[in-house]
Structures are given as structure tokens and as C-alpha cells.
């Protein structure tokens, strides 16, 4: 069954909240650390000797070093603690192939792709990358959602677009891919459970305070 872009967009809108409601969007502000800077910080941290650090510094592009210097020590330490290893981004084709080969058979693969494709469309349109926008639109129009090979072909188109667009757009797309690939529904469930527990605690404390006031009032009357 072939789906038009409008139909795929409709599917994405209907299932996005259920399938991936909290996939974090990459920060688009220039002040946000780029993948290159994060990897530079991790490599500096893991360098075995001062000589290795010096070589890494000298071999790193000036733009990355300048961005690193602007972060400040506190931000650098935060990144060091947050990333145990360098960021590694799979191609979207490899990511989807793993989903098809070893993932949950009940998981709706086209539903996963819907929000991703829409985000690509949005960024390409925002930056007036018409040629790649049209290329992606054509790939979506020719998609047969019941054919796994067609899904892989669509993911391959996403990977090809990243190779062609300018570096600033490519980084945003790669960071979004990273967010999608690292997304774990169990993490969201744990966070929601923690938030629910925090909401319940004040209510319980409030109940205790009311009881104490009532007791005080009773003591006053008794005396």
C-alpha cells in the first residue's frame, strides 16, 4: 500500500504522542554544544598523557577549540560527567534494519518513521533546501509501508540528504538522529513515575499539617 506525504503526516500526528511522546529535539541555538565539541571534550578527558592532549588540541580545528573555550569549566565538567564515551550515530538505515531484524515485532515501524520524516521536512523547508525537500517528498510518495525494504530505502534517503546539505543543517539532523536512537520509553516511564511520586508527597504532608492544626484546636478547647 502506497502512502502520500499527507497520509504519512496524518499517521505521524495520530501516533506520535503514543509512540515517541518525549523524544527530545536537538537544541537549535548556536550556544548549544555541537557533537564535535562534545566528542572533543570526551577525547581530552580520556587522553592517556599530556602529550596526547597536546596533539589532540593541535590537530583539532580552530572553530571547535573556540567553541570549547567559550563553554567554561562548569559546562565542560557537566559534559564530561554526562557522556561516558564519544557520541556514535548510526545511519538511519542501519538503525531501522536493527529494528526490523531484532526489534519488537508488534512495534509499528512506519509509525516510528512518521515523526522523524516530518522533522526532516520541517528543517529542510525552514532552510529552503528545496531540492532535498522534493527528494524526500518523492521517496515518501513512493513508500509502501508494508514492505520493510521500502522503509529501509526511505531511511537511506534520509542518510543521503545528510551527506548533501550544508554542515550546519547536517549537524542538526545528526543530533536529531542521535536523540531518536537513544530514546528509551522505559526512561520516560521512570521519569513519569518519579514525578507522580513527587506530586503525591506534598499532598500527604498537607494532610498531616491539617491533622496537627485540628489537634491543636482540640487541645485549646479542652484547656
Foldseek 3Di string as FASTA:
>chain_A
DADALVRLLVLLVVCVCPQPVPLDADDLDPLDQFLLLLQLLQCLVPDPDVVSNVVSVVPDDPVSVVSNVVCDPVNSVVSNVVDVHRDDFDQLLVLLVCCVPPNDPPDQSSNLCSVLLVVVLVLCVVVVVVVLNVVLSVLRRGADSVDSVSVSVSSVSLRVVLVPDDPSSSRSSRVSSSSSSPDDVVVVVVVVVVVVVVVVVVVVVVVVVVVVVVVVVVVVVVD
